[in-house]
Amino acid sequence: MRHSRALLTSILLLLAIAAARSVVAQDAPSDASRCFKEGLASYDRGDFEKATEWFKQAIALQPDFAEAHNNLGLSYSGLGRHLDAIDELKWAIRLKPVFAEAYCSLGAEYYEVQDVKNAIEVLRRAIELRPGYAVAFNNLGVVLLETGHIREAVAAYQEGLKLQPTRPEAYRNLARALGAAGDYDGALVQLEKAVQLKPDYYEAYNNIGVVCFQKGWYKRAKESFVLAVKLNEEFAEAIYNLGVLGIALKQRSESIAQYHRLKNLDSELAGNLYSGIYKGMVLDLRNK
């Protein structure tokens, strides 16, 4: 199973941010605490510009406010300012060396700027500080998989799921690692757990379709791709996969129909599918 850096990054950052929301201000003066809480509210609304303003105010009132530095870093991340995010998260760690959440978030930011060596190092440090930190195990798995350390990635995901067995994204991540190891049966088991927890998980249904295709189960593959598109009619990857499946099964009219659906959704994928239909190009399924 091939994996997409963009998707892995989004999963990694999502989980890191979810963990950081649990960080609360301690021993902060009332004015700094008020600014901190306003920053959290802005962050949760997705207003990262306003969140940065509030967290900066909290830091101005209390420069050693580690949690505010941490959350300012996450707000910078939301704005795509990853180097600034790294600087703030490092400040948070200087002020609070046992700040596991900051290490976890810093790992996400290092990954974002493709510094995987430091990402692995700080994620391992987060786990040292909090051995039961499920999110850090998951995020370590993401980075290890990206760097080709497949067995270690599987082990990290499995440990994270032992600690927190209710995240559908984590089961999907483990499935990706198992698929990369060639264990398609194991991957399918994990994907089925993911959709049990999240019945509208259209990305996981697309992954199920890919695994079934690789096992030669074309009927089930088609059913899974169709269900993914039913759950999200603009899910270009699954539409593309239906087109590729049509080519593999020599159902040219089916592939052409998917090409026309795809043209207005993703011109690059549509162009690739066109080349497969009309020029005989060999195409891989999309497995984001």
Protein backbone atom coordinates (compact mmCIF):
# COMPACT_ATOMS: atom_id res chain seq x y z
CA MET A 1 0.00 0.00 0.00
CA ARG A 2 1.57 3.29 -1.03
CA HIS A 3 1.13 6.22 1.31
CA SER A 4 0.70 9.94 0.76
CA ARG A 5 2.93 12.36 2.65
CA ALA A 6 0.25 15.07 2.56
CA LEU A 7 -2.34 12.82 4.16
CA LEU A 8 0.06 11.43 6.72
CA THR A 9 1.04 14.97 7.65
CA SER A 10 -2.57 15.97 8.14
CA ILE A 11 -3.22 12.94 10.36
CA LEU A 12 -0.10 13.60 12.37
CA LEU A 13 -0.90 17.26 12.97
CA LEU A 14 -4.54 16.55 13.73
CA LEU A 15 -3.61 14.13 16.48
CA ALA A 16 -0.91 16.38 17.89
CA ILE A 17 -3.31 19.32 18.08
CA ALA A 18 -6.02 17.19 19.65
CA ALA A 19 -3.59 16.24 22.39
CA ALA A 20 -2.46 19.82 22.92
CA ARG A 21 -6.00 21.03 23.52
CA SER A 22 -5.88 19.19 26.82
CA VAL A 23 -3.02 21.43 28.01
CA VAL A 24 -4.25 23.89 30.60
CA ALA A 25 -2.66 26.93 32.14
CA GLN A 26 -1.30 26.47 35.65
CA ASP A 27 -0.30 29.19 38.12
CA ALA A 28 -0.88 31.94 35.54
CA PRO A 29 -1.87 35.46 36.63
CA SER A 30 -5.53 36.19 36.03
CA ASP A 31 -4.94 38.50 33.03
CA ALA A 32 -2.56 36.05 31.36
CA SER A 33 -4.98 33.20 32.09
CA ARG A 34 -7.84 35.16 30.51
CA CYS A 35 -5.80 35.79 27.35
CA PHE A 36 -4.85 32.12 27.27
CA LYS A 37 -8.50 31.03 27.45
CA GLU A 38 -9.47 33.50 24.72
CA GLY A 39 -6.67 32.05 22.61
CA LEU A 40 -8.01 28.54 23.09
CA ALA A 41 -11.49 29.65 22.08
CA SER A 42 -10.14 31.32 18.93
CA TYR A 43 -8.06 28.28 18.13
CA ASP A 44 -11.04 25.95 18.45
CA ARG A 45 -12.98 28.20 16.04
CA GLY A 46 -10.14 27.88 13.54
CA ASP A 47 -9.25 31.57 13.84
CA PHE A 48 -5.49 31.08 14.09
CA GLU A 49 -4.66 34.74 13.51
CA LYS A 50 -6.72 35.81 16.51
CA ALA A 51 -5.38 32.87 18.55
CA THR A 52 -1.81 34.01 17.94
CA GLU A 53 -2.72 37.51 19.14
CA TRP A 54 -4.22 36.18 22.37
CA PHE A 55 -1.35 33.80 23.12
CA LYS A 56 1.18 36.58 22.44
CA GLN A 57 -0.67 38.78 24.92
CA ALA A 58 -0.57 35.99 27.50
CA ILE A 59 3.19 35.63 26.96
CA ALA A 60 3.71 39.41 27.22
CA LEU A 61 1.99 39.32 30.60
CA GLN A 62 3.86 36.20 31.72
CA PRO A 63 6.99 35.46 29.63
CA ASP A 64 7.60 32.09 31.31
CA PHE A 65 4.10 30.82 30.43
CA ALA A 66 5.10 27.51 28.81
CA GLU A 67 1.57 26.49 27.83
CA ALA A 68 1.03 29.78 26.01
CA HIS A 69 4.27 29.28 24.06
CA ASN A 70 3.10 25.76 23.18
CA ASN A 71 -0.27 26.91 21.93
CA LEU A 72 1.22 29.88 20.08
CA GLY A 73 3.34 27.31 18.26
CA LEU A 74 0.24 25.33 17.34
CA SER A 75 -1.47 28.49 16.12
CA TYR A 76 1.52 29.26 13.91
CA SER A 77 1.22 25.72 12.58
CA GLY A 78 -2.40 26.38 11.68
CA LEU A 79 -1.20 29.37 9.64
CA GLY A 80 1.45 27.29 7.90
CA ARG A 81 4.26 29.08 9.72
CA HIS A 82 6.06 25.89 10.71
CA LEU A 83 9.50 27.36 11.47
CA ASP A 84 7.87 29.88 13.83
CA ALA A 85 5.93 27.00 15.37
CA ILE A 86 9.15 25.10 15.98
CA ASP A 87 10.70 28.13 17.71
CA GLU A 88 7.75 28.55 20.06
CA LEU A 89 7.54 24.85 20.90
CA LYS A 90 11.25 24.86 21.73
CA TRP A 91 10.62 27.82 24.06
CA ALA A 92 7.85 25.86 25.75
CA ILE A 93 10.25 22.94 26.31
CA ARG A 94 13.02 25.21 27.65
CA LEU A 95 10.56 26.60 30.16
CA LYS A 96 9.09 23.20 31.01
CA PRO A 97 11.53 20.37 30.16
CA VAL A 98 9.01 17.65 31.01
CA PHE A 99 6.33 19.05 28.67
CA ALA A 100 5.38 15.87 26.78
CA GLU A 101 2.66 17.58 24.71
CA ALA A 102 5.14 20.15 23.42
CA TYR A 103 7.56 17.40 22.39
CA CYS A 104 4.74 15.61 20.57
CA SER A 105 3.72 18.77 18.73
CA LEU A 106 7.34 19.59 17.95
CA GLY A 107 7.65 16.16 16.35
CA ALA A 108 4.71 17.02 14.09
CA GLU A 109 6.33 20.29 13.09
CA TYR A 110 9.70 18.71 12.35
CA TYR A 111 7.87 16.20 10.17
CA GLU A 112 6.11 19.04 8.38
CA VAL A 113 9.44 20.60 7.40
CA GLN A 114 10.78 17.13 6.44
CA ASP A 115 13.26 16.91 9.32
CA VAL A 116 12.40 13.31 10.10
CA LYS A 117 15.51 12.64 12.20
CA ASN A 118 14.56 15.28 14.75
CA ALA A 119 10.89 14.31 14.49
CA ILE A 120 11.69 10.75 15.58
CA GLU A 121 13.98 11.97 18.36
CA VAL A 122 11.48 14.33 19.97
CA LEU A 123 8.57 11.91 19.61
CA ARG A 124 10.62 9.26 21.41
CA ARG A 125 11.32 11.86 24.10
CA ALA A 126 7.57 12.51 24.46
CA ILE A 127 7.08 8.79 25.04
CA GLU A 128 9.93 8.68 27.58
CA LEU A 129 8.24 11.46 29.50
CA ARG A 130 4.84 9.81 29.29
CA PRO A 131 5.06 6.07 28.54
CA GLY A 132 1.30 5.84 28.10
CA TYR A 133 1.09 8.64 25.51
CA ALA A 134 -0.98 7.01 22.75
CA VAL A 135 -0.90 10.02 20.43
CA ALA A 136 2.90 10.14 20.51
CA PHE A 137 3.09 6.43 19.64
CA ASN A 138 0.74 7.03 16.70
CA ASN A 139 2.73 10.00 15.47
CA LEU A 140 6.00 8.13 15.82
CA GLY A 141 4.45 5.39 13.69
CA VAL A 142 3.60 7.94 10.99
CA VAL A 143 7.18 9.20 10.79
CA LEU A 144 8.72 5.72 10.94
CA LEU A 145 6.48 4.54 8.11
CA GLU A 146 7.42 7.56 6.03
CA THR A 147 11.10 6.73 6.48
CA GLY A 148 10.71 3.07 5.57
CA HIS A 149 11.00 1.64 9.10
CA ILE A 150 7.92 -0.49 8.58
CA ARG A 151 8.28 -3.01 11.41
CA GLU A 152 8.99 -0.25 13.92
CA ALA A 153 6.00 1.69 12.60
CA VAL A 154 3.73 -1.32 13.07
CA ALA A 155 4.99 -1.76 16.64
CA ALA A 156 4.44 1.93 17.43
CA TYR A 157 0.89 1.90 16.06
CA GLN A 158 0.07 -1.30 17.94
CA GLU A 159 1.32 0.16 21.20
CA GLY A 160 -0.72 3.31 20.65
CA LEU A 161 -3.86 1.29 19.99
CA LYS A 162 -3.34 -0.76 23.16
CA LEU A 163 -3.34 2.49 25.09
CA GLN A 164 -6.22 4.15 23.22
CA PRO A 165 -8.27 1.68 21.16
CA THR A 166 -11.01 4.10 20.08
CA ARG A 167 -9.32 6.18 17.35
CA PRO A 168 -10.42 5.06 13.86
CA GLU A 169 -7.54 7.02 12.31
CA ALA A 170 -5.05 4.97 14.31
CA TYR A 171 -6.48 1.68 12.99
CA ARG A 172 -6.22 3.07 9.47
CA ASN A 173 -2.63 4.09 10.10
CA LEU A 174 -1.79 0.59 11.32
CA ALA A 175 -3.46 -0.83 8.22
CA ARG A 176 -1.23 1.33 6.03
CA ALA A 177 1.87 0.01 7.77
CA LEU A 178 0.70 -3.61 7.51
CA GLY A 179 -0.08 -3.07 3.84
CA ALA A 180 3.40 -1.65 3.30
CA ALA A 181 4.72 -4.87 4.86
CA GLY A 182 2.62 -6.93 2.44
CA ASP A 183 0.22 -8.16 5.13
CA TYR A 184 -3.01 -7.38 3.28
CA ASP A 185 -5.14 -9.65 5.44
CA GLY A 186 -3.93 -7.84 8.56
CA ALA A 187 -4.50 -4.48 6.90
CA LEU A 188 -8.06 -5.44 6.04
CA VAL A 189 -8.79 -6.43 9.64
CA GLN A 190 -7.62 -3.03 10.87
CA LEU A 191 -9.59 -1.13 8.21
CA GLU A 192 -12.74 -3.01 9.15
CA LYS A 193 -12.21 -1.94 12.76
CA ALA A 194 -11.82 1.66 11.58
CA VAL A 195 -15.16 1.68 9.74
CA GLN A 196 -16.88 -0.04 12.67
CA LEU A 197 -15.84 2.89 14.84
CA LYS A 198 -16.61 5.44 12.13
CA PRO A 199 -19.23 4.14 9.67
CA ASP A 200 -18.92 7.18 7.38
CA TYR A 201 -15.13 6.86 7.10
CA TYR A 202 -14.99 7.10 3.32
CA GLU A 203 -11.18 7.23 3.15
CA ALA A 204 -11.00 3.87 4.93
CA TYR A 205 -13.52 2.36 2.51
CA ASN A 206 -11.28 3.50 -0.32
CA ASN A 207 -8.35 1.77 1.40
CA ILE A 208 -10.44 -1.39 1.76
CA GLY A 209 -11.10 -1.26 -1.97
CA VAL A 210 -7.37 -1.01 -2.69
CA VAL A 211 -6.57 -3.99 -0.44
CA CYS A 212 -9.32 -6.06 -2.02
CA PHE A 213 -8.04 -5.16 -5.49
CA GLN A 214 -4.54 -6.28 -4.51
CA LYS A 215 -5.98 -9.58 -3.28
CA GLY A 216 -7.91 -10.06 -6.53
CA TRP A 217 -11.29 -9.53 -4.90
CA TYR A 218 -12.56 -7.20 -7.63
CA LYS A 219 -16.25 -7.34 -6.78
CA ARG A 220 -15.64 -6.30 -3.19
CA ALA A 221 -13.11 -3.70 -4.32
CA LYS A 222 -15.75 -2.10 -6.53
CA GLU A 223 -18.34 -2.20 -3.75
CA SER A 224 -15.92 -0.44 -1.40
CA PHE A 225 -15.01 2.27 -3.92
CA VAL A 226 -18.70 2.84 -4.70
CA LEU A 227 -19.50 3.16 -0.99
CA ALA A 228 -16.63 5.64 -0.52
CA VAL A 229 -18.05 7.80 -3.31
CA LYS A 230 -21.58 7.45 -1.92
CA LEU A 231 -20.32 8.81 1.39
CA ASN A 232 -18.45 11.64 -0.35
CA GLU A 233 -19.55 12.33 -3.92
CA GLU A 234 -16.49 14.55 -4.50
CA PHE A 235 -13.95 11.98 -3.32
CA ALA A 236 -11.74 12.08 -6.41
CA GLU A 237 -9.40 9.26 -5.38
CA ALA A 238 -12.20 6.69 -5.14
CA ILE A 239 -13.71 7.83 -8.45
CA TYR A 240 -10.28 7.48 -10.02
CA ASN A 241 -9.91 4.00 -8.52
CA LEU A 242 -13.23 2.97 -10.02
CA GLY A 243 -11.85 4.09 -13.38
CA VAL A 244 -8.63 2.12 -12.90
CA LEU A 245 -10.63 -0.92 -11.84
CA GLY A 246 -12.67 -0.59 -15.04
CA ILE A 247 -9.46 -0.62 -17.08
CA ALA A 248 -8.20 -3.71 -15.24
CA LEU A 249 -11.50 -5.51 -15.88
CA LYS A 250 -11.61 -4.30 -19.52
CA GLN A 251 -14.79 -2.35 -18.81
CA ARG A 252 -13.86 0.66 -20.92
CA SER A 253 -17.25 2.36 -20.77
CA GLU A 254 -17.11 2.29 -16.96
CA SER A 255 -13.68 3.91 -16.99
CA ILE A 256 -14.82 6.60 -19.42
CA ALA A 257 -17.82 7.37 -17.19
CA GLN A 258 -15.50 7.83 -14.19
CA TYR A 259 -13.19 10.01 -16.28
CA HIS A 260 -16.08 12.39 -17.04
CA ARG A 261 -17.03 12.50 -13.34
CA LEU A 262 -13.44 13.26 -12.45
CA LYS A 263 -12.73 16.08 -14.91
CA ASN A 264 -14.24 18.81 -12.77
CA LEU A 265 -12.92 17.43 -9.47
CA ASP A 266 -9.23 16.76 -10.08
CA SER A 267 -7.70 17.57 -13.46
CA GLU A 268 -4.46 15.75 -12.67
CA LEU A 269 -6.17 12.49 -11.77
CA ALA A 270 -8.49 12.89 -14.75
CA GLY A 271 -5.47 13.29 -17.02
CA ASN A 272 -3.86 10.17 -15.58
CA LEU A 273 -7.03 8.18 -16.06
CA TYR A 274 -7.34 9.47 -19.64
CA SER A 275 -3.82 8.20 -20.34
CA GLY A 276 -4.78 4.80 -18.96
CA ILE A 277 -7.94 4.59 -21.04
CA TYR A 278 -6.69 5.95 -24.36
CA LYS A 279 -2.89 5.53 -24.29
CA GLY A 280 -2.46 2.24 -22.50
CA MET A 281 -0.55 3.70 -19.55
CA VAL A 282 -0.29 1.35 -16.56
CA LEU A 283 -1.88 3.05 -13.55
CA ASP A 284 -1.62 2.51 -9.80
CA LEU A 285 -4.62 2.85 -7.55
CA ARG A 286 -4.77 5.91 -5.32
CA ASN A 287 -4.43 4.89 -1.70
CA LYS A 288 -4.40 8.13 0.28
